[in-house]
């Protein structure tokens, strides 16, 4: 990514809409659904491994997720590295225990700091995962509350959601036909915070991200270091499409990412207008290119 800041734009005129999602690991003694410690392990310390294949199953509505079905067709193997500090819960060979009360307490403290309206009864839901990063095939997520807010220099920014969920397994290696994961990270408690689309400029996005990070650190009960916090940024402008930029690790990249994405969409709209002014059109004649790709090794085109 370029280190130069994008040119100054009138973001209000562009109709910039931006929101941020933050995933922050909590510094608890134990994981969210078992008594295993939340410490990092080196892969060389693994004393056991096993593998799984993804199997599609019908939902409560009797439907099969299309993305999961496509992943099954790839027939990719998922290999998991276990340790003396992991247990049968991470391996999905034992039912999860009750929610870690320490993690729940921390999430409620964060909710209070963000003016969140906490639910009367918290339920644990399942979010389908098809990349192998969870041995069960889904992530357990608990909805803590919503309708919060923080004050910023550009006005109040809403906090749309706060969830308590389990961290995914850490990917170690991609072997093409198989993926290798480490189970030391799977199950570490984390909170997911999603803002409302109230951010009005790149500088404002950085301010909001910085403020949320300060609130999380002020509890003294979140993990620090590379990989313990992840930020996803959602950006769109008038006439453009919402784009989610995942894994913005550094705070000083947030404003650059938002500015460059807004600029990219603005330039695409300019290209669209230019093509329309030239009377450009798409040739919709169907052409058979089977012979051209007959010898391809691509699984996408086969």
C-alpha atoms as a PDB file:
ATOM      1  CA  UNK A   1       0.000   0.000   0.000  1.00  0.00           C
ATOM      2  CA  UNK A   2       1.240   3.488  -0.823  1.00  0.00           C
ATOM      3  CA  UNK A   3       2.526   5.535   2.098  1.00  0.00           C
ATOM      4  CA  UNK A   4       1.213   8.752   0.583  1.00  0.00           C
ATOM      5  CA  UNK A   5      -2.118  10.114   1.770  1.00  0.00           C
ATOM      6  CA  UNK A   6      -4.910  10.313  -0.818  1.00  0.00           C
ATOM      7  CA  UNK A   7      -5.674  13.747  -2.291  1.00  0.00           C
ATOM      8  CA  UNK A   8      -8.003  15.974  -0.300  1.00  0.00           C
ATOM      9  CA  UNK A   9     -11.607  15.302  -1.272  1.00  0.00           C
ATOM     10  CA  UNK A  10     -14.931  16.763  -0.212  1.00  0.00           C
ATOM     11  CA  UNK A  11     -16.172  13.646   1.553  1.00  0.00           C
ATOM     12  CA  UNK A  12     -19.557  15.096   2.409  1.00  0.00           C
ATOM     13  CA  UNK A  13     -20.133  15.945  -1.262  1.00  0.00           C
ATOM     14  CA  UNK A  14     -19.061  12.414  -2.184  1.00  0.00           C
ATOM     15  CA  UNK A  15     -21.622  11.039   0.262  1.00  0.00           C
ATOM     16  CA  UNK A  16     -19.048   9.038   2.214  1.00  0.00           C
ATOM     17  CA  UNK A  17     -20.541   6.394   4.498  1.00  0.00           C
ATOM     18  CA  UNK A  18     -18.140   4.564   6.795  1.00  0.00           C
ATOM     19  CA  UNK A  19     -18.290   2.210   9.752  1.00  0.00           C
ATOM     20  CA  UNK A  20     -15.722   0.226  11.727  1.00  0.00           C
ATOM     21  CA  UNK A  21     -15.762  -3.266  13.229  1.00  0.00           C
ATOM     22  CA  UNK A  22     -13.256  -4.062  15.966  1.00  0.00           C
ATOM     23  CA  UNK A  23     -12.401  -7.561  17.193  1.00  0.00           C
ATOM     24  CA  UNK A  24     -10.467  -7.467  20.473  1.00  0.00           C
ATOM     25  CA  UNK A  25      -9.186 -10.486  22.412  1.00  0.00           C
ATOM     26  CA  UNK A  26      -9.887 -10.404  26.152  1.00  0.00           C
ATOM     27  CA  UNK A  27      -7.134 -11.095  28.675  1.00  0.00           C
ATOM     28  CA  UNK A  28      -8.840 -13.860  30.636  1.00  0.00           C
ATOM     29  CA  UNK A  29      -7.275 -16.792  32.454  1.00  0.00           C
ATOM     30  CA  UNK A  30      -9.354 -19.346  30.546  1.00  0.00           C
ATOM     31  CA  UNK A  31     -11.001 -19.717  27.153  1.00  0.00           C
ATOM     32  CA  UNK A  32     -14.639 -18.882  26.520  1.00  0.00           C
ATOM     33  CA  UNK A  33     -16.123 -22.392  26.687  1.00  0.00           C
ATOM     34  CA  UNK A  34     -13.509 -24.482  28.507  1.00  0.00           C
ATOM     35  CA  UNK A  35     -10.863 -24.260  31.220  1.00  0.00           C
ATOM     36  CA  UNK A  36      -7.859 -24.165  28.882  1.00  0.00           C
ATOM     37  CA  UNK A  37      -5.387 -21.268  29.242  1.00  0.00           C
ATOM     38  CA  UNK A  38      -5.352 -18.445  26.675  1.00  0.00           C
ATOM     39  CA  UNK A  39      -1.598 -18.359  26.118  1.00  0.00           C
ATOM     40  CA  UNK A  40       0.197 -18.514  22.764  1.00  0.00           C
ATOM     41  CA  UNK A  41       2.046 -21.731  21.881  1.00  0.00           C
ATOM     42  CA  UNK A  42       4.777 -22.426  19.348  1.00  0.00           C
ATOM     43  CA  UNK A  43       3.835 -24.948  16.663  1.00  0.00           C
ATOM     44  CA  UNK A  44       6.899 -27.032  17.547  1.00  0.00           C
ATOM     45  CA  UNK A  45       5.324 -27.636  20.977  1.00  0.00           C
ATOM     46  CA  UNK A  46       2.361 -29.493  19.469  1.00  0.00           C
ATOM     47  CA  UNK A  47       2.078 -33.031  20.837  1.00  0.00           C
ATOM     48  CA  UNK A  48      -0.922 -34.232  18.835  1.00  0.00           C
ATOM     49  CA  UNK A  49      -2.648 -33.542  15.522  1.00  0.00           C
ATOM     50  CA  UNK A  50      -5.800 -34.655  13.727  1.00  0.00           C
ATOM     51  CA  UNK A  51      -7.617 -33.805  10.516  1.00  0.00           C
ATOM     52  CA  UNK A  52     -11.178 -33.162   9.395  1.00  0.00           C
ATOM     53  CA  UNK A  53     -13.161 -32.674   6.200  1.00  0.00           C
ATOM     54  CA  UNK A  54     -16.047 -30.231   5.933  1.00  0.00           C
ATOM     55  CA  UNK A  55     -19.466 -31.869   5.662  1.00  0.00           C
ATOM     56  CA  UNK A  56     -22.565 -29.854   4.679  1.00  0.00           C
ATOM     57  CA  UNK A  57     -25.645 -30.111   6.873  1.00  0.00           C
ATOM     58  CA  UNK A  58     -29.101 -28.621   6.661  1.00  0.00           C
ATOM     59  CA  UNK A  59     -30.073 -25.647   8.788  1.00  0.00           C
ATOM     60  CA  UNK A  60     -33.121 -25.431  11.031  1.00  0.00           C
ATOM     61  CA  UNK A  61     -34.987 -24.281   7.905  1.00  0.00           C
ATOM     62  CA  UNK A  62     -33.916 -27.375   6.001  1.00  0.00           C
ATOM     63  CA  UNK A  63     -31.525 -25.459   3.742  1.00  0.00           C
ATOM     64  CA  UNK A  64     -27.870 -26.091   2.860  1.00  0.00           C
ATOM     65  CA  UNK A  65     -25.586 -23.051   2.698  1.00  0.00           C
ATOM     66  CA  UNK A  66     -24.338 -22.596  -0.888  1.00  0.00           C
ATOM     67  CA  UNK A  67     -20.894 -21.393   0.209  1.00  0.00           C
ATOM     68  CA  UNK A  68     -20.455 -24.476   2.414  1.00  0.00           C
ATOM     69  CA  UNK A  69     -21.546 -26.721  -0.446  1.00  0.00           C
ATOM     70  CA  UNK A  70     -18.979 -25.145  -2.783  1.00  0.00           C
ATOM     71  CA  UNK A  71     -16.238 -25.616  -0.172  1.00  0.00           C
ATOM     72  CA  UNK A  72     -17.129 -29.311   0.136  1.00  0.00           C
ATOM     73  CA  UNK A  73     -16.638 -29.754  -3.608  1.00  0.00           C
ATOM     74  CA  UNK A  74     -13.005 -28.630  -3.194  1.00  0.00           C
ATOM     75  CA  UNK A  75     -12.408 -31.611  -0.838  1.00  0.00           C
ATOM     76  CA  UNK A  76      -9.841 -29.689   1.191  1.00  0.00           C
ATOM     77  CA  UNK A  77      -8.365 -31.362   4.279  1.00  0.00           C
ATOM     78  CA  UNK A  78      -8.073 -29.387   7.533  1.00  0.00           C
ATOM     79  CA  UNK A  79      -5.204 -30.409   9.830  1.00  0.00           C
ATOM     80  CA  UNK A  80      -5.212 -29.237  13.464  1.00  0.00           C
ATOM     81  CA  UNK A  81      -2.239 -28.939  15.837  1.00  0.00           C
ATOM     82  CA  UNK A  82      -3.102 -29.642  19.481  1.00  0.00           C
ATOM     83  CA  UNK A  83      -1.112 -29.060  22.683  1.00  0.00           C
ATOM     84  CA  UNK A  84      -1.028 -30.098  26.307  1.00  0.00           C
ATOM     85  CA  UNK A  85      -2.867 -26.808  26.941  1.00  0.00           C
ATOM     86  CA  UNK A  86      -5.856 -27.644  24.683  1.00  0.00           C
ATOM     87  CA  UNK A  87      -8.685 -30.081  25.317  1.00  0.00           C
ATOM     88  CA  UNK A  88     -11.543 -32.003  23.704  1.00  0.00           C
ATOM     89  CA  UNK A  89     -13.717 -28.873  23.461  1.00  0.00           C
ATOM     90  CA  UNK A  90     -11.338 -27.296  20.929  1.00  0.00           C
ATOM     91  CA  UNK A  91     -11.321 -30.602  19.031  1.00  0.00           C
ATOM     92  CA  UNK A  92     -15.149 -30.576  18.990  1.00  0.00           C
ATOM     93  CA  UNK A  93     -15.155 -33.938  20.757  1.00  0.00           C
ATOM     94  CA  UNK A  94     -16.816 -32.612  23.918  1.00  0.00           C
ATOM     95  CA  UNK A  95     -19.740 -30.193  24.420  1.00  0.00           C
ATOM     96  CA  UNK A  96     -18.753 -26.639  25.400  1.00  0.00           C
ATOM     97  CA  UNK A  97     -18.965 -25.614  29.043  1.00  0.00           C
ATOM     98  CA  UNK A  98     -20.883 -22.571  30.275  1.00  0.00           C
ATOM     99  CA  UNK A  99     -19.734 -19.132  29.159  1.00  0.00           C
ATOM    100  CA  UNK A 100     -16.611 -17.964  30.991  1.00  0.00           C
ATOM    101  CA  UNK A 101     -17.942 -15.589  33.714  1.00  0.00           C
ATOM    102  CA  UNK A 102     -14.750 -13.499  33.625  1.00  0.00           C
ATOM    103  CA  UNK A 103     -15.168 -12.868  29.884  1.00  0.00           C
ATOM    104  CA  UNK A 104     -18.837 -12.035  30.393  1.00  0.00           C
ATOM    105  CA  UNK A 105     -17.972  -9.537  33.134  1.00  0.00           C
ATOM    106  CA  UNK A 106     -15.394  -7.791  30.915  1.00  0.00           C
ATOM    107  CA  UNK A 107     -17.878  -7.546  28.040  1.00  0.00           C
ATOM    108  CA  UNK A 108     -20.419  -5.920  30.375  1.00  0.00           C
ATOM    109  CA  UNK A 109     -17.811  -3.395  31.542  1.00  0.00           C
ATOM    110  CA  UNK A 110     -17.099  -2.505  27.909  1.00  0.00           C
ATOM    111  CA  UNK A 111     -20.838  -2.254  27.245  1.00  0.00           C
ATOM    112  CA  UNK A 112     -21.184   0.248  30.084  1.00  0.00           C
ATOM    113  CA  UNK A 113     -18.302   2.351  28.738  1.00  0.00           C
ATOM    114  CA  UNK A 114     -19.922   2.423  25.279  1.00  0.00           C
ATOM    115  CA  UNK A 115     -23.409   3.277  26.602  1.00  0.00           C
ATOM    116  CA  UNK A 116     -24.705  -0.035  25.239  1.00  0.00           C
ATOM    117  CA  UNK A 117     -28.221  -1.230  26.038  1.00  0.00           C
ATOM    118  CA  UNK A 118     -27.566  -4.744  27.342  1.00  0.00           C
ATOM    119  CA  UNK A 119     -30.034  -7.537  26.567  1.00  0.00           C
ATOM    120  CA  UNK A 120     -32.090  -9.032  29.394  1.00  0.00           C
ATOM    121  CA  UNK A 121     -30.980 -12.556  28.522  1.00  0.00           C
ATOM    122  CA  UNK A 122     -27.888 -13.429  26.524  1.00  0.00           C
ATOM    123  CA  UNK A 123     -28.129 -16.341  24.096  1.00  0.00           C
ATOM    124  CA  UNK A 124     -25.230 -18.065  22.325  1.00  0.00           C
ATOM    125  CA  UNK A 125     -25.716 -18.328  18.568  1.00  0.00           C
ATOM    126  CA  UNK A 126     -23.856 -20.226  15.853  1.00  0.00           C
ATOM    127  CA  UNK A 127     -22.201 -18.473  12.919  1.00  0.00           C
ATOM    128  CA  UNK A 128     -21.240 -20.800  10.071  1.00  0.00           C
ATOM    129  CA  UNK A 129     -17.507 -21.041   9.303  1.00  0.00           C
ATOM    130  CA  UNK A 130     -16.389 -22.794   6.111  1.00  0.00           C
ATOM    131  CA  UNK A 131     -12.650 -22.048   5.997  1.00  0.00           C
ATOM    132  CA  UNK A 132     -11.707 -24.671   8.596  1.00  0.00           C
ATOM    133  CA  UNK A 133     -10.723 -22.133  11.261  1.00  0.00           C
ATOM    134  CA  UNK A 134     -13.155 -23.740  13.706  1.00  0.00           C
ATOM    135  CA  UNK A 135     -13.257 -27.500  14.218  1.00  0.00           C
ATOM    136  CA  UNK A 136     -17.031 -27.489  14.730  1.00  0.00           C
ATOM    137  CA  UNK A 137     -17.771 -25.727  11.432  1.00  0.00           C
ATOM    138  CA  UNK A 138     -19.288 -22.729  13.200  1.00  0.00           C
ATOM    139  CA  UNK A 139     -18.313 -19.929  15.583  1.00  0.00           C
ATOM    140  CA  UNK A 140     -20.168 -19.415  18.856  1.00  0.00           C
ATOM    141  CA  UNK A 141     -21.285 -15.809  19.282  1.00  0.00           C
ATOM    142  CA  UNK A 142     -23.295 -14.174  22.065  1.00  0.00           C
ATOM    143  CA  UNK A 143     -25.235 -10.952  21.446  1.00  0.00           C
ATOM    144  CA  UNK A 144     -24.515  -8.669  24.415  1.00  0.00           C
ATOM    145  CA  UNK A 145     -26.269  -5.462  23.413  1.00  0.00           C
ATOM    146  CA  UNK A 146     -26.731  -2.594  20.957  1.00  0.00           C
ATOM    147  CA  UNK A 147     -27.768   1.055  20.545  1.00  0.00           C
ATOM    148  CA  UNK A 148     -24.699   2.527  22.229  1.00  0.00           C
ATOM    149  CA  UNK A 149     -22.750   5.656  21.326  1.00  0.00           C
ATOM    150  CA  UNK A 150     -19.548   7.633  21.761  1.00  0.00           C
ATOM    151  CA  UNK A 151     -18.941  11.366  21.442  1.00  0.00           C
ATOM    152  CA  UNK A 152     -16.435  12.552  18.817  1.00  0.00           C
ATOM    153  CA  UNK A 153     -15.257  15.849  17.333  1.00  0.00           C
ATOM    154  CA  UNK A 154     -17.683  15.343  14.419  1.00  0.00           C
ATOM    155  CA  UNK A 155     -20.655  14.454  16.591  1.00  0.00           C
ATOM    156  CA  UNK A 156     -22.066  11.331  18.165  1.00  0.00           C
ATOM    157  CA  UNK A 157     -21.177   7.989  16.560  1.00  0.00           C
ATOM    158  CA  UNK A 158     -23.522   5.102  17.233  1.00  0.00           C
ATOM    159  CA  UNK A 159     -22.372   1.679  18.407  1.00  0.00           C
ATOM    160  CA  UNK A 160     -24.625  -0.714  16.542  1.00  0.00           C
ATOM    161  CA  UNK A 161     -23.649  -3.983  18.192  1.00  0.00           C
ATOM    162  CA  UNK A 162     -21.505  -5.603  20.869  1.00  0.00           C
ATOM    163  CA  UNK A 163     -20.931  -9.362  20.815  1.00  0.00           C
ATOM    164  CA  UNK A 164     -18.906 -11.790  22.913  1.00  0.00           C
ATOM    165  CA  UNK A 165     -17.486 -14.604  20.805  1.00  0.00           C
ATOM    166  CA  UNK A 166     -14.740 -17.187  20.511  1.00  0.00           C
ATOM    167  CA  UNK A 167     -11.558 -16.540  18.547  1.00  0.00           C
ATOM    168  CA  UNK A 168     -10.813 -18.701  15.504  1.00  0.00           C
ATOM    169  CA  UNK A 169      -7.910 -21.117  15.146  1.00  0.00           C
ATOM    170  CA  UNK A 170      -4.629 -19.685  13.879  1.00  0.00           C
ATOM    171  CA  UNK A 171      -3.651 -20.686  10.336  1.00  0.00           C
ATOM    172  CA  UNK A 172      -0.118 -22.070  10.111  1.00  0.00           C
ATOM    173  CA  UNK A 173       0.306 -23.313   6.554  1.00  0.00           C
ATOM    174  CA  UNK A 174      -1.557 -23.517   3.251  1.00  0.00           C
ATOM    175  CA  UNK A 175      -0.542 -26.679   1.397  1.00  0.00           C
ATOM    176  CA  UNK A 176      -2.946 -26.176  -1.485  1.00  0.00           C
ATOM    177  CA  UNK A 177      -5.099 -29.259  -0.963  1.00  0.00           C
ATOM    178  CA  UNK A 178      -4.978 -28.854   2.820  1.00  0.00           C
ATOM    179  CA  UNK A 179      -4.766 -26.161   5.491  1.00  0.00           C
ATOM    180  CA  UNK A 180      -2.915 -26.442   8.809  1.00  0.00           C
ATOM    181  CA  UNK A 181      -4.326 -24.691  11.896  1.00  0.00           C
ATOM    182  CA  UNK A 182      -3.083 -24.273  15.466  1.00  0.00           C
ATOM    183  CA  UNK A 183      -5.639 -24.726  18.259  1.00  0.00           C
ATOM    184  CA  UNK A 184      -3.857 -22.557  20.844  1.00  0.00           C
ATOM    185  CA  UNK A 185      -5.888 -19.500  19.732  1.00  0.00           C
ATOM    186  CA  UNK A 186      -9.228 -21.235  19.144  1.00  0.00           C
ATOM    187  CA  UNK A 187     -11.706 -20.346  21.883  1.00  0.00           C
ATOM    188  CA  UNK A 188      -9.961 -17.269  23.296  1.00  0.00           C
ATOM    189  CA  UNK A 189     -12.733 -14.812  24.281  1.00  0.00           C
ATOM    190  CA  UNK A 190     -13.055 -11.672  22.204  1.00  0.00           C
ATOM    191  CA  UNK A 191     -15.510  -8.830  21.825  1.00  0.00           C
ATOM    192  CA  UNK A 192     -16.798  -7.600  18.485  1.00  0.00           C
ATOM    193  CA  UNK A 193     -17.781  -3.932  18.345  1.00  0.00           C
ATOM    194  CA  UNK A 194     -19.525  -2.524  15.292  1.00  0.00           C
ATOM    195  CA  UNK A 195     -20.174   1.179  14.836  1.00  0.00           C
ATOM    196  CA  UNK A 196     -23.104   2.683  12.990  1.00  0.00           C
ATOM    197  CA  UNK A 197     -22.265   4.215   9.552  1.00  0.00           C
ATOM    198  CA  UNK A 198     -21.830   7.645  11.160  1.00  0.00           C
ATOM    199  CA  UNK A 199     -18.176   8.250  10.241  1.00  0.00           C
ATOM    200  CA  UNK A 200     -17.869  11.203   7.851  1.00  0.00           C
ATOM    201  CA  UNK A 201     -14.188  11.370   6.824  1.00  0.00           C
ATOM    202  CA  UNK A 202     -10.900   9.423   6.927  1.00  0.00           C
ATOM    203  CA  UNK A 203      -9.630  11.538   9.829  1.00  0.00           C
ATOM    204  CA  UNK A 204     -12.878  10.886  11.676  1.00  0.00           C
ATOM    205  CA  UNK A 205     -12.460   7.128  11.093  1.00  0.00           C
ATOM    206  CA  UNK A 206      -9.025   7.238  12.687  1.00  0.00           C
ATOM    207  CA  UNK A 207     -10.372   9.248  15.622  1.00  0.00           C
ATOM    208  CA  UNK A 208     -13.163   6.720  16.225  1.00  0.00           C
ATOM    209  CA  UNK A 209     -10.784   3.746  15.990  1.00  0.00           C
ATOM    210  CA  UNK A 210      -8.359   5.438  18.384  1.00  0.00           C
ATOM    211  CA  UNK A 211     -11.118   6.264  20.866  1.00  0.00           C
ATOM    212  CA  UNK A 212     -12.499   2.718  20.853  1.00  0.00           C
ATOM    213  CA  UNK A 213      -8.997   1.327  21.333  1.00  0.00           C
ATOM    214  CA  UNK A 214      -8.462   3.659  24.283  1.00  0.00           C
ATOM    215  CA  UNK A 215     -11.711   2.500  25.896  1.00  0.00           C
ATOM    216  CA  UNK A 216     -10.754  -1.161  25.485  1.00  0.00           C
ATOM    217  CA  UNK A 217      -7.262  -0.634  26.913  1.00  0.00           C
ATOM    218  CA  UNK A 218      -8.622   1.417  29.819  1.00  0.00           C
ATOM    219  CA  UNK A 219     -10.270  -1.719  31.214  1.00  0.00           C
ATOM    220  CA  UNK A 220      -6.815  -3.252  31.716  1.00  0.00           C
ATOM    221  CA  UNK A 221      -8.343  -6.581  30.722  1.00  0.00           C
ATOM    222  CA  UNK A 222      -7.661  -6.935  26.998  1.00  0.00           C
ATOM    223  CA  UNK A 223      -4.718  -8.618  25.329  1.00  0.00           C
ATOM    224  CA  UNK A 224      -2.006  -6.508  23.712  1.00  0.00           C
ATOM    225  CA  UNK A 225       0.322  -7.215  20.822  1.00  0.00           C
ATOM    226  CA  UNK A 226       0.185  -8.124  17.142  1.00  0.00           C
ATOM    227  CA  UNK A 227      -2.903 -10.118  16.192  1.00  0.00           C
ATOM    228  CA  UNK A 228      -4.831  -9.453  19.412  1.00  0.00           C
ATOM    229  CA  UNK A 229      -6.951  -6.710  17.815  1.00  0.00           C
ATOM    230  CA  UNK A 230      -8.291  -6.543  14.260  1.00  0.00           C
ATOM    231  CA  UNK A 231     -10.193  -3.743  12.558  1.00  0.00           C
ATOM    232  CA  UNK A 232     -12.446  -4.085   9.520  1.00  0.00           C
ATOM    233  CA  UNK A 233     -13.504  -0.903   7.730  1.00  0.00           C
ATOM    234  CA  UNK A 234     -16.676  -0.555   5.635  1.00  0.00           C
ATOM    235  CA  UNK A 235     -16.627   2.239   3.044  1.00  0.00           C
ATOM    236  CA  UNK A 236     -18.998   3.476   0.349  1.00  0.00           C
ATOM    237  CA  UNK A 237     -19.832   6.726  -1.450  1.00  0.00           C
ATOM    238  CA  UNK A 238     -22.956   7.930  -3.241  1.00  0.00           C
ATOM    239  CA  UNK A 239     -23.387   5.834  -6.377  1.00  0.00           C
ATOM    240  CA  UNK A 240     -20.744   3.333  -5.263  1.00  0.00           C
ATOM    241  CA  UNK A 241     -20.948   0.007  -3.444  1.00  0.00           C
ATOM    242  CA  UNK A 242     -20.162  -0.904   0.151  1.00  0.00           C
ATOM    243  CA  UNK A 243     -16.687  -2.420   0.379  1.00  0.00           C
ATOM    244  CA  UNK A 244     -15.306  -4.108   3.497  1.00  0.00           C
ATOM    245  CA  UNK A 245     -11.542  -3.840   3.988  1.00  0.00           C
ATOM    246  CA  UNK A 246     -10.533  -6.550   6.445  1.00  0.00           C
ATOM    247  CA  UNK A 247      -7.597  -6.756   8.807  1.00  0.00           C
ATOM    248  CA  UNK A 248      -6.474  -3.133   9.113  1.00  0.00           C
ATOM    249  CA  UNK A 249      -3.927  -3.781  11.860  1.00  0.00           C
ATOM    250  CA  UNK A 250      -2.277  -0.380  12.365  1.00  0.00           C
ATOM    251  CA  UNK A 251      -4.148   2.696  13.577  1.00  0.00           C
ATOM    252  CA  UNK A 252      -2.149   4.975  11.260  1.00  0.00           C
ATOM    253  CA  UNK A 253      -3.507   3.061   8.256  1.00  0.00           C
ATOM    254  CA  UNK A 254      -7.204   3.564   9.024  1.00  0.00           C
ATOM    255  CA  UNK A 255      -7.503   7.058   7.536  1.00  0.00           C
ATOM    256  CA  UNK A 256      -5.382   6.110   4.503  1.00  0.00           C
ATOM    257  CA  UNK A 257      -7.512   3.030   3.809  1.00  0.00           C
ATOM    258  CA  UNK A 258     -10.764   5.004   4.010  1.00  0.00           C
ATOM    259  CA  UNK A 259      -9.430   7.852   1.870  1.00  0.00           C
ATOM    260  CA  UNK A 260      -7.995   5.593  -0.827  1.00  0.00           C
ATOM    261  CA  UNK A 261     -11.146   3.476  -1.045  1.00  0.00           C
ATOM    262  CA  UNK A 262     -13.317   6.597  -1.381  1.00  0.00           C
ATOM    263  CA  UNK A 263     -10.953   7.857  -4.096  1.00  0.00           C
ATOM    264  CA  UNK A 264     -11.045   4.503  -5.910  1.00  0.00           C
ATOM    265  CA  UNK A 265     -14.838   4.487  -5.989  1.00  0.00           C
ATOM    266  CA  UNK A 266     -14.949   8.132  -7.117  1.00  0.00           C
ATOM    267  CA  UNK A 267     -12.575   7.383 -10.003  1.00  0.00           C
ATOM    268  CA  UNK A 268     -14.634   4.344 -11.020  1.00  0.00           C
ATOM    269  CA  UNK A 269     -17.749   6.512 -11.176  1.00  0.00           C
ATOM    270  CA  UNK A 270     -15.847   8.999 -13.358  1.00  0.00           C
ATOM    271  CA  UNK A 271     -14.867   6.155 -15.700  1.00  0.00           C
ATOM    272  CA  UNK A 272     -18.496   5.030 -15.805  1.00  0.00           C
ATOM    273  CA  UNK A 273     -19.655   8.532 -16.775  1.00  0.00           C
ATOM    274  CA  UNK A 274     -16.960   8.769 -19.459  1.00  0.00           C
ATOM    275  CA  UNK A 275     -17.958   5.427 -20.981  1.00  0.00           C
ATOM    276  CA  UNK A 276     -21.604   6.474 -21.032  1.00  0.00           C
ATOM    277  CA  UNK A 277     -20.689   9.770 -22.730  1.00  0.00           C
ATOM    278  CA  UNK A 278     -18.840   7.811 -25.440  1.00  0.00           C
ATOM    279  CA  UNK A 279     -21.811   5.560 -26.018  1.00  0.00           C
ATOM    280  CA  UNK A 280     -19.878   2.491 -24.913  1.00  0.00           C
ATOM    281  CA  UNK A 281     -21.795  -0.761 -24.685  1.00  0.00           C
ATOM    282  CA  UNK A 282     -21.197  -4.414 -23.861  1.00  0.00           C
ATOM    283  CA  UNK A 283     -21.131  -6.970 -26.659  1.00  0.00           C
ATOM    284  CA  UNK A 284     -23.526  -9.614 -25.375  1.00  0.00           C
ATOM    285  CA  UNK A 285     -22.765 -12.109 -28.130  1.00  0.00           C
ATOM    286  CA  UNK A 286     -22.056 -15.503 -26.562  1.00  0.00           C
ATOM    287  CA  UNK A 287     -18.735 -17.001 -27.671  1.00  0.00           C
ATOM    288  CA  UNK A 288     -17.673 -20.597 -27.050  1.00  0.00           C
ATOM    289  CA  UNK A 289     -14.123 -20.632 -25.593  1.00  0.00           C
ATOM    290  CA  UNK A 290     -14.105 -24.268 -24.478  1.00  0.00           C
ATOM    291  CA  UNK A 291     -11.265 -25.202 -26.831  1.00  0.00           C
ATOM    292  CA  UNK A 292      -9.058 -22.378 -25.545  1.00  0.00           C
ATOM    293  CA  UNK A 293      -9.245 -23.614 -21.949  1.00  0.00           C
ATOM    294  CA  UNK A 294      -9.412 -27.335 -22.690  1.00  0.00           C
ATOM    295  CA  UNK A 295      -6.003 -28.025 -21.102  1.00  0.00           C
ATOM    296  CA  UNK A 296      -6.287 -25.659 -18.145  1.00  0.00           C
ATOM    297  CA  UNK A 297      -5.436 -26.912 -14.681  1.00  0.00           C
ATOM    298  CA  UNK A 298      -7.662 -24.329 -13.009  1.00  0.00           C
ATOM    299  CA  UNK A 299     -10.298 -25.762 -10.690  1.00  0.00           C
ATOM    300  CA  UNK A 300     -12.362 -22.612 -11.178  1.00  0.00           C
ATOM    301  CA  UNK A 301     -12.702 -23.123 -14.944  1.00  0.00           C
ATOM    302  CA  UNK A 302     -12.793 -26.913 -15.030  1.00  0.00           C
END
